[in-house]
PDB file of N, CA and C in Angstrom:
ATOM      1  N   MET A   1     -22.181 -33.401  22.893  1.00  0.00           N
ATOM      2  CA  MET A   1     -20.771 -33.624  23.085  1.00  0.00           C
ATOM      3  C   MET A   1     -20.362 -33.395  24.527  1.00  0.00           C
ATOM      4  N   LYS A   2     -20.988 -32.345  25.158  1.00  0.00           N
ATOM      5  CA  LYS A   2     -20.688 -32.081  26.551  1.00  0.00           C
ATOM      6  C   LYS A   2     -21.113 -33.257  27.423  1.00  0.00           C
ATOM      7  N   ALA A   3     -22.244 -33.837  27.088  1.00  0.00           N
ATOM      8  CA  ALA A   3     -22.764 -34.956  27.872  1.00  0.00           C
ATOM      9  C   ALA A   3     -21.768 -36.127  27.833  1.00  0.00           C
ATOM     10  N   PHE A   4     -21.167 -36.348  26.691  1.00  0.00           N
ATOM     11  CA  PHE A   4     -20.170 -37.417  26.552  1.00  0.00           C
ATOM     12  C   PHE A   4     -18.993 -37.168  27.490  1.00  0.00           C
ATOM     13  N   PHE A   5     -18.487 -35.929  27.520  1.00  0.00           N
ATOM     14  CA  PHE A   5     -17.361 -35.603  28.397  1.00  0.00           C
ATOM     15  C   PHE A   5     -17.751 -35.712  29.868  1.00  0.00           C
ATOM     16  N   TYR A   6     -18.966 -35.328  30.207  1.00  0.00           N
ATOM     17  CA  TYR A   6     -19.432 -35.470  31.588  1.00  0.00           C
ATOM     18  C   TYR A   6     -19.507 -36.944  31.986  1.00  0.00           C
ATOM     19  N   ILE A   7     -19.991 -37.767  31.077  1.00  0.00           N
ATOM     20  CA  ILE A   7     -20.101 -39.201  31.367  1.00  0.00           C
ATOM     21  C   ILE A   7     -18.713 -39.819  31.503  1.00  0.00           C
ATOM     22  N   VAL A   8     -17.827 -39.516  30.564  1.00  0.00           N
ATOM     23  CA  VAL A   8     -16.465 -40.057  30.615  1.00  0.00           C
ATOM     24  C   VAL A   8     -15.748 -39.543  31.862  1.00  0.00           C
ATOM     25  N   GLY A   9     -15.895 -38.264  32.160  1.00  0.00           N
ATOM     26  CA  GLY A   9     -15.278 -37.677  33.358  1.00  0.00           C
ATOM     27  C   GLY A   9     -15.805 -38.310  34.633  1.00  0.00           C
ATOM     28  N   SER A  10     -17.116 -38.524  34.677  1.00  0.00           N
ATOM     29  CA  SER A  10     -17.723 -39.156  35.854  1.00  0.00           C
ATOM     30  C   SER A  10     -17.220 -40.585  36.022  1.00  0.00           C
ATOM     31  N   LEU A  11     -17.134 -41.320  34.906  1.00  0.00           N
ATOM     32  CA  LEU A  11     -16.620 -42.691  34.982  1.00  0.00           C
ATOM     33  C   LEU A  11     -15.155 -42.703  35.435  1.00  0.00           C
ATOM     34  N   PHE A  12     -14.372 -41.743  34.928  1.00  0.00           N
ATOM     35  CA  PHE A  12     -12.958 -41.647  35.319  1.00  0.00           C
ATOM     36  C   PHE A  12     -12.828 -41.343  36.813  1.00  0.00           C
ATOM     37  N   ILE A  13     -13.599 -40.390  37.294  1.00  0.00           N
ATOM     38  CA  ILE A  13     -13.561 -40.035  38.719  1.00  0.00           C
ATOM     39  C   ILE A  13     -14.058 -41.198  39.572  1.00  0.00           C
ATOM     40  N   GLY A  14     -15.093 -41.887  39.120  1.00  0.00           N
ATOM     41  CA  GLY A  14     -15.592 -43.055  39.850  1.00  0.00           C
ATOM     42  C   GLY A  14     -14.554 -44.169  39.921  1.00  0.00           C
ATOM     43  N   ALA A  15     -13.866 -44.433  38.806  1.00  0.00           N
ATOM     44  CA  ALA A  15     -12.828 -45.469  38.789  1.00  0.00           C
ATOM     45  C   ALA A  15     -11.665 -45.070  39.681  1.00  0.00           C
ATOM     46  N   LEU A  16     -11.313 -43.788  39.637  1.00  0.00           N
ATOM     47  CA  LEU A  16     -10.230 -43.297  40.484  1.00  0.00           C
ATOM     48  C   LEU A  16     -10.610 -43.415  41.963  1.00  0.00           C
ATOM     49  N   ALA A  17     -11.829 -43.046  42.287  1.00  0.00           N
ATOM     50  CA  ALA A  17     -12.297 -43.159  43.676  1.00  0.00           C
ATOM     51  C   ALA A  17     -12.297 -44.619  44.127  1.00  0.00           C
ATOM     52  N   TRP A  18     -12.685 -45.529  43.258  1.00  0.00           N
ATOM     53  CA  TRP A  18     -12.685 -46.960  43.585  1.00  0.00           C
ATOM     54  C   TRP A  18     -11.257 -47.450  43.879  1.00  0.00           C
ATOM     55  N   GLN A  19     -10.318 -47.015  43.058  1.00  0.00           N
ATOM     56  CA  GLN A  19      -8.924 -47.410  43.272  1.00  0.00           C
ATOM     57  C   GLN A  19      -8.376 -46.835  44.579  1.00  0.00           C
ATOM     58  N   VAL A  20      -8.715 -45.589  44.875  1.00  0.00           N
ATOM     59  CA  VAL A  20      -8.277 -44.978  46.134  1.00  0.00           C
ATOM     60  C   VAL A  20      -8.860 -45.752  47.313  1.00  0.00           C
ATOM     61  N   PHE A  21     -10.118 -46.140  47.231  1.00  0.00           N
ATOM     62  CA  PHE A  21     -10.744 -46.924  48.294  1.00  0.00           C
ATOM     63  C   PHE A  21     -10.048 -48.268  48.449  1.00  0.00           C
ATOM     64  N   ASN A  22      -9.726 -48.934  47.345  1.00  0.00           N
ATOM     65  CA  ASN A  22      -9.031 -50.224  47.422  1.00  0.00           C
ATOM     66  C   ASN A  22      -7.653 -50.086  48.074  1.00  0.00           C
ATOM     67  N   VAL A  23      -6.931 -49.038  47.700  1.00  0.00           N
ATOM     68  CA  VAL A  23      -5.603 -48.807  48.293  1.00  0.00           C
ATOM     69  C   VAL A  23      -5.749 -48.516  49.785  1.00  0.00           C
ATOM     70  N   TRP A  24      -6.733 -47.717  50.152  1.00  0.00           N
ATOM     71  CA  TRP A  24      -6.953 -47.380  51.556  1.00  0.00           C
ATOM     72  C   TRP A  24      -7.320 -48.615  52.367  1.00  0.00           C
ATOM     73  N   SER A  25      -8.219 -49.437  51.855  1.00  0.00           N
ATOM     74  CA  SER A  25      -8.631 -50.627  52.604  1.00  0.00           C
ATOM     75  C   SER A  25      -7.496 -51.638  52.720  1.00  0.00           C
ATOM     76  N   THR A  26      -6.685 -51.771  51.676  1.00  0.00           N
ATOM     77  CA  THR A  26      -5.528 -52.663  51.740  1.00  0.00           C
ATOM     78  C   THR A  26      -4.519 -52.142  52.758  1.00  0.00           C
ATOM     79  N   GLY A  27      -4.284 -50.846  52.754  1.00  0.00           N
ATOM     80  CA  GLY A  27      -3.373 -50.243  53.725  1.00  0.00           C
ATOM     81  C   GLY A  27      -3.857 -50.424  55.149  1.00  0.00           C
ATOM     82  N   ARG A  28      -5.144 -50.295  55.349  1.00  0.00           N
ATOM     83  CA  ARG A  28      -5.723 -50.487  56.684  1.00  0.00           C
ATOM     84  C   ARG A  28      -5.538 -51.932  57.141  1.00  0.00           C
ATOM     85  N   ALA A  29      -5.792 -52.884  56.261  1.00  0.00           N
ATOM     86  CA  ALA A  29      -5.620 -54.295  56.609  1.00  0.00           C
ATOM     87  C   ALA A  29      -4.155 -54.596  56.920  1.00  0.00           C
ATOM     88  N   LEU A  30      -3.243 -54.024  56.156  1.00  0.00           N
ATOM     89  CA  LEU A  30      -1.813 -54.237  56.408  1.00  0.00           C
ATOM     90  C   LEU A  30      -1.380 -53.604  57.729  1.00  0.00           C
ATOM     91  N   THR A  31      -1.949 -52.457  58.067  1.00  0.00           N
ATOM     92  CA  THR A  31      -1.632 -51.813  59.338  1.00  0.00           C
ATOM     93  C   THR A  31      -2.086 -52.678  60.510  1.00  0.00           C
ATOM     94  N   ILE A  32      -3.266 -53.243  60.406  1.00  0.00           N
ATOM     95  CA  ILE A  32      -3.775 -54.124  61.465  1.00  0.00           C
ATOM     96  C   ILE A  32      -2.888 -55.355  61.594  1.00  0.00           C
ATOM     97  N   GLU A  33      -2.501 -55.930  60.469  1.00  0.00           N
ATOM     98  CA  GLU A  33      -1.631 -57.103  60.491  1.00  0.00           C
ATOM     99  C   GLU A  33      -0.256 -56.750  61.056  1.00  0.00           C
ATOM    100  N   ALA A  34       0.275 -55.589  60.704  1.00  0.00           N
ATOM    101  CA  ALA A  34       1.586 -55.157  61.213  1.00  0.00           C
ATOM    102  C   ALA A  34       1.530 -54.962  62.726  1.00  0.00           C
ATOM    103  N   ASP A  35       0.446 -54.386  63.236  1.00  0.00           N
ATOM    104  CA  ASP A  35       0.299 -54.221  64.679  1.00  0.00           C
ATOM    105  C   ASP A  35       0.272 -55.570  65.380  1.00  0.00           C
ATOM    106  N   SER A  36      -0.411 -56.529  64.780  1.00  0.00           N
ATOM    107  CA  SER A  36      -0.472 -57.873  65.347  1.00  0.00           C
ATOM    108  C   SER A  36       0.905 -58.515  65.367  1.00  0.00           C
ATOM    109  N   VAL A  37       1.636 -58.378  64.285  1.00  0.00           N
ATOM    110  CA  VAL A  37       2.982 -58.958  64.205  1.00  0.00           C
ATOM    111  C   VAL A  37       3.911 -58.277  65.207  1.00  0.00           C
ATOM    112  N   LEU A  38       3.807 -56.965  65.354  1.00  0.00           N
ATOM    113  CA  LEU A  38       4.652 -56.247  66.307  1.00  0.00           C
ATOM    114  C   LEU A  38       4.366 -56.675  67.741  1.00  0.00           C
ATOM    115  N   SER A  39       3.105 -56.881  68.078  1.00  0.00           N
ATOM    116  CA  SER A  39       2.788 -57.337  69.431  1.00  0.00           C
ATOM    117  C   SER A  39       3.311 -58.754  69.653  1.00  0.00           C
ATOM    118  N   GLU A  40       3.262 -59.592  68.628  1.00  0.00           N
ATOM    119  CA  GLU A  40       3.813 -60.939  68.745  1.00  0.00           C
ATOM    120  C   GLU A  40       5.335 -60.887  68.921  1.00  0.00           C
ATOM    121  N   VAL A  41       5.979 -59.979  68.197  1.00  0.00           N
ATOM    122  CA  VAL A  41       7.432 -59.819  68.322  1.00  0.00           C
ATOM    123  C   VAL A  41       7.792 -59.385  69.741  1.00  0.00           C
ATOM    124  N   GLU A  42       7.039 -58.455  70.304  1.00  0.00           N
ATOM    125  CA  GLU A  42       7.306 -58.004  71.670  1.00  0.00           C
ATOM    126  C   GLU A  42       7.140 -59.155  72.662  1.00  0.00           C
ATOM    127  N   GLY A  43       6.118 -59.972  72.470  1.00  0.00           N
ATOM    128  CA  GLY A  43       5.928 -61.134  73.337  1.00  0.00           C
ATOM    129  C   GLY A  43       7.081 -62.117  73.229  1.00  0.00           C
ATOM    130  N   LEU A  44       7.549 -62.342  72.020  1.00  0.00           N
ATOM    131  CA  LEU A  44       8.672 -63.254  71.817  1.00  0.00           C
ATOM    132  C   LEU A  44       9.973 -62.692  72.386  1.00  0.00           C
ATOM    133  N   ARG A  45      10.136 -61.373  72.315  1.00  0.00           N
ATOM    134  CA  ARG A  45      11.324 -60.760  72.922  1.00  0.00           C
ATOM    135  C   ARG A  45      11.304 -60.928  74.438  1.00  0.00           C
ATOM    136  N   ALA A  46      10.133 -60.740  75.043  1.00  0.00           N
ATOM    137  CA  ALA A  46      10.022 -60.921  76.489  1.00  0.00           C
ATOM    138  C   ALA A  46      10.312 -62.370  76.864  1.00  0.00           C
ATOM    139  N   GLU A  47       9.775 -63.302  76.085  1.00  0.00           N
ATOM    140  CA  GLU A  47      10.025 -64.723  76.336  1.00  0.00           C
ATOM    141  C   GLU A  47      11.513 -65.037  76.166  1.00  0.00           C
ATOM    142  N   ASN A  48      12.142 -64.442  75.171  1.00  0.00           N
ATOM    143  CA  ASN A  48      13.565 -64.649  74.934  1.00  0.00           C
ATOM    144  C   ASN A  48      14.392 -64.131  76.111  1.00  0.00           C
ATOM    145  N   ASN A  49      14.033 -62.951  76.627  1.00  0.00           N
ATOM    146  CA  ASN A  49      14.747 -62.397  77.775  1.00  0.00           C
ATOM    147  C   ASN A  49      14.595 -63.292  79.002  1.00  0.00           C
ATOM    148  N   LEU A  50      13.386 -63.812  79.214  1.00  0.00           N
ATOM    149  CA  LEU A  50      13.155 -64.716  80.338  1.00  0.00           C
ATOM    150  C   LEU A  50      13.986 -65.986  80.182  1.00  0.00           C
ATOM    151  N   THR A  51      14.046 -66.517  78.983  1.00  0.00           N
ATOM    152  CA  THR A  51      14.835 -67.717  78.725  1.00  0.00           C
ATOM    153  C   THR A  51      16.319 -67.452  78.966  1.00  0.00           C
ATOM    154  N   LYS A  52      16.801 -66.289  78.562  1.00  0.00           N
ATOM    155  CA  LYS A  52      18.205 -65.930  78.802  1.00  0.00           C
ATOM    156  C   LYS A  52      18.492 -65.832  80.294  1.00  0.00           C
ATOM    157  N   GLU A  53      17.560 -65.228  81.043  1.00  0.00           N
ATOM    158  CA  GLU A  53      17.738 -65.123  82.492  1.00  0.00           C
ATOM    159  C   GLU A  53      17.763 -66.506  83.143  1.00  0.00           C
ATOM    160  N   GLU A  54      16.867 -67.396  82.711  1.00  0.00           N
ATOM    161  CA  GLU A  54      16.850 -68.756  83.253  1.00  0.00           C
ATOM    162  C   GLU A  54      18.130 -69.503  82.886  1.00  0.00           C
ATOM    163  N   LEU A  55      18.599 -69.313  81.680  1.00  0.00           N
ATOM    164  CA  LEU A  55      19.834 -69.967  81.250  1.00  0.00           C
ATOM    165  C   LEU A  55      21.012 -69.493  82.094  1.00  0.00           C
ATOM    166  N   TYR A  56      21.063 -68.204  82.359  1.00  0.00           N
ATOM    167  CA  TYR A  56      22.124 -67.664  83.199  1.00  0.00           C
ATOM    168  C   TYR A  56      21.999 -68.205  84.622  1.00  0.00           C
ATOM    169  N   TYR A  57      20.758 -68.229  85.160  1.00  0.00           N
ATOM    170  CA  TYR A  57      20.522 -68.695  86.526  1.00  0.00           C
ATOM    171  C   TYR A  57      20.894 -70.168  86.672  1.00  0.00           C
ATOM    172  N   PHE A  58      20.424 -70.996  85.757  1.00  0.00           N
ATOM    173  CA  PHE A  58      20.685 -72.428  85.858  1.00  0.00           C
ATOM    174  C   PHE A  58      22.083 -72.803  85.373  1.00  0.00           C
ATOM    175  N   GLY A  59      22.821 -71.848  84.837  1.00  0.00           N
ATOM    176  CA  GLY A  59      24.214 -72.090  84.490  1.00  0.00           C
ATOM    177  C   GLY A  59      25.072 -72.283  85.734  1.00  0.00           C
ATOM    178  N   ASN A  60      24.604 -71.734  86.836  1.00  0.00           N
ATOM    179  CA  ASN A  60      25.276 -71.929  88.113  1.00  0.00           C
ATOM    180  C   ASN A  60      24.811 -73.273  88.683  1.00  0.00           C
ATOM    181  N   THR A  61      25.750 -74.172  88.959  1.00  0.00           N
ATOM    182  CA  THR A  61      25.379 -75.525  89.391  1.00  0.00           C
ATOM    183  C   THR A  61      24.654 -75.524  90.723  1.00  0.00           C
ATOM    184  N   ALA A  62      24.945 -74.575  91.600  1.00  0.00           N
ATOM    185  CA  ALA A  62      24.251 -74.521  92.896  1.00  0.00           C
ATOM    186  C   ALA A  62      22.764 -74.216  92.686  1.00  0.00           C
ATOM    187  N   ASN A  63      22.463 -73.307  91.773  1.00  0.00           N
ATOM    188  CA  ASN A  63      21.061 -72.980  91.493  1.00  0.00           C
ATOM    189  C   ASN A  63      20.349 -74.157  90.829  1.00  0.00           C
ATOM    190  N   LEU A  64      21.050 -74.842  89.943  1.00  0.00           N
ATOM    191  CA  LEU A  64      20.459 -76.002  89.281  1.00  0.00           C
ATOM    192  C   LEU A  64      20.153 -77.096  90.302  1.00  0.00           C
ATOM    193  N   GLU A  65      21.083 -77.332  91.207  1.00  0.00           N
ATOM    194  CA  GLU A  65      20.866 -78.355  92.237  1.00  0.00           C
ATOM    195  C   GLU A  65      19.703 -77.970  93.145  1.00  0.00           C
ATOM    196  N   LYS A  66      19.609 -76.698  93.504  1.00  0.00           N
ATOM    197  CA  LYS A  66      18.511 -76.222  94.350  1.00  0.00           C
ATOM    198  C   LYS A  66      17.162 -76.455  93.662  1.00  0.00           C
ATOM    199  N   ALA A  67      17.092 -76.152  92.358  1.00  0.00           N
ATOM    200  CA  ALA A  67      15.846 -76.357  91.610  1.00  0.00           C
ATOM    201  C   ALA A  67      15.517 -77.843  91.501  1.00  0.00           C
ATOM    202  N   LEU A  68      16.518 -78.672  91.260  1.00  0.00           N
ATOM    203  CA  LEU A  68      16.286 -80.123  91.184  1.00  0.00           C
ATOM    204  C   LEU A  68      15.762 -80.663  92.504  1.00  0.00           C
ATOM    205  N   ARG A  69      16.363 -80.231  93.605  1.00  0.00           N
ATOM    206  CA  ARG A  69      15.921 -80.696  94.921  1.00  0.00           C
ATOM    207  C   ARG A  69      14.475 -80.286  95.183  1.00  0.00           C
ATOM    208  N   ALA A  70      14.112 -79.078  94.835  1.00  0.00           N
ATOM    209  CA  ALA A  70      12.767 -78.580  95.104  1.00  0.00           C
ATOM    210  C   ALA A  70      11.717 -79.240  94.219  1.00  0.00           C
ATOM    211  N   LYS A  71      12.028 -79.434  92.970  1.00  0.00           N
ATOM    212  CA  LYS A  71      11.014 -79.903  92.034  1.00  0.00           C
ATOM    213  C   LYS A  71      10.912 -81.422  91.954  1.00  0.00           C
ATOM    214  N   PHE A  72      12.039 -82.108  92.017  1.00  0.00           N
ATOM    215  CA  PHE A  72      12.037 -83.551  91.773  1.00  0.00           C
ATOM    216  C   PHE A  72      12.473 -84.385  92.974  1.00  0.00           C
ATOM    217  N   ASP A  73      12.532 -83.768  94.155  1.00  0.00           N
ATOM    218  CA  ASP A  73      12.981 -84.477  95.356  1.00  0.00           C
ATOM    219  C   ASP A  73      14.342 -85.122  95.136  1.00  0.00           C
ATOM    220  N   TYR A  74      15.231 -84.400  94.518  1.00  0.00           N
ATOM    221  CA  TYR A  74      16.571 -84.899  94.224  1.00  0.00           C
ATOM    222  C   TYR A  74      17.387 -84.937  95.512  1.00  0.00           C
ATOM    223  N   LYS A  75      18.166 -85.998  95.670  1.00  0.00           N
ATOM    224  CA  LYS A  75      19.062 -86.089  96.811  1.00  0.00           C
ATOM    225  C   LYS A  75      20.353 -86.748  96.366  1.00  0.00           C
ATOM    226  N   LEU A  76      21.399 -86.443  97.092  1.00  0.00           N
ATOM    227  CA  LEU A  76      22.674 -87.069  96.827  1.00  0.00           C
ATOM    228  C   LEU A  76      22.664 -88.493  97.368  1.00  0.00           C
ATOM    229  N   PRO A  77      23.530 -89.368  96.896  1.00  0.00           N
ATOM    230  CA  PRO A  77      23.509 -90.760  97.349  1.00  0.00           C
ATOM    231  C   PRO A  77      23.686 -90.918  98.864  1.00  0.00           C
ATOM    232  N   ASN A  78      24.394 -90.052  99.543  1.00  0.00           N
ATOM    233  CA  ASN A  78      24.633 -90.199 100.972  1.00  0.00           C
ATOM    234  C   ASN A  78      23.537 -89.553 101.816  1.00  0.00           C
ATOM    235  N   GLU A  79      22.618 -88.834 101.212  1.00  0.00           N
ATOM    236  CA  GLU A  79      21.620 -88.081 101.960  1.00  0.00           C
ATOM    237  C   GLU A  79      20.341 -88.889 102.139  1.00  0.00           C
ATOM    238  N   LYS A  80      19.601 -88.523 103.188  1.00  0.00           N
ATOM    239  CA  LYS A  80      18.274 -89.083 103.414  1.00  0.00           C
ATOM    240  C   LYS A  80      17.274 -87.963 103.180  1.00  0.00           C
ATOM    241  N   LEU A  81      16.143 -88.332 102.640  1.00  0.00           N
ATOM    242  CA  LEU A  81      15.116 -87.347 102.314  1.00  0.00           C
ATOM    243  C   LEU A  81      13.919 -87.575 103.208  1.00  0.00           C
ATOM    244  N   ILE A  82      13.487 -86.541 103.881  1.00  0.00           N
ATOM    245  CA  ILE A  82      12.313 -86.623 104.731  1.00  0.00           C
ATOM    246  C   ILE A  82      11.311 -85.623 104.163  1.00  0.00           C
ATOM    247  N   LYS A  83      10.117 -86.119 103.857  1.00  0.00           N
ATOM    248  CA  LYS A  83       9.053 -85.262 103.323  1.00  0.00           C
ATOM    249  C   LYS A  83       8.043 -84.992 104.419  1.00  0.00           C
ATOM    250  N   ILE A  84       7.708 -83.742 104.580  1.00  0.00           N
ATOM    251  CA  ILE A  84       6.704 -83.337 105.557  1.00  0.00           C
ATOM    252  C   ILE A  84       5.551 -82.734 104.775  1.00  0.00           C
ATOM    253  N   ARG A  85       4.374 -83.274 105.020  1.00  0.00           N
ATOM    254  CA  ARG A  85       3.193 -82.758 104.294  1.00  0.00           C
ATOM    255  C   ARG A  85       2.222 -82.140 105.234  1.00  0.00           C
TER     256      ARG A  85
END
């Protein structure tokens, strides 16, 4: 009879240990995924801040015109453009 209780007890402890291991491994995987998501969120926040700064900067027409002139060789109809290379 004692042997039966030892076997049942051992099986119970083994099943409990298996469940604890499964919970631990799932928690570990979720922690790794959460860290990945948090780093992605931080990257997106930085990108969002940069976009807000650019939006504010280019909201000023003088800055927008300066960027257009530099990047696309923009000129007003009365102006002449001379390129030096």
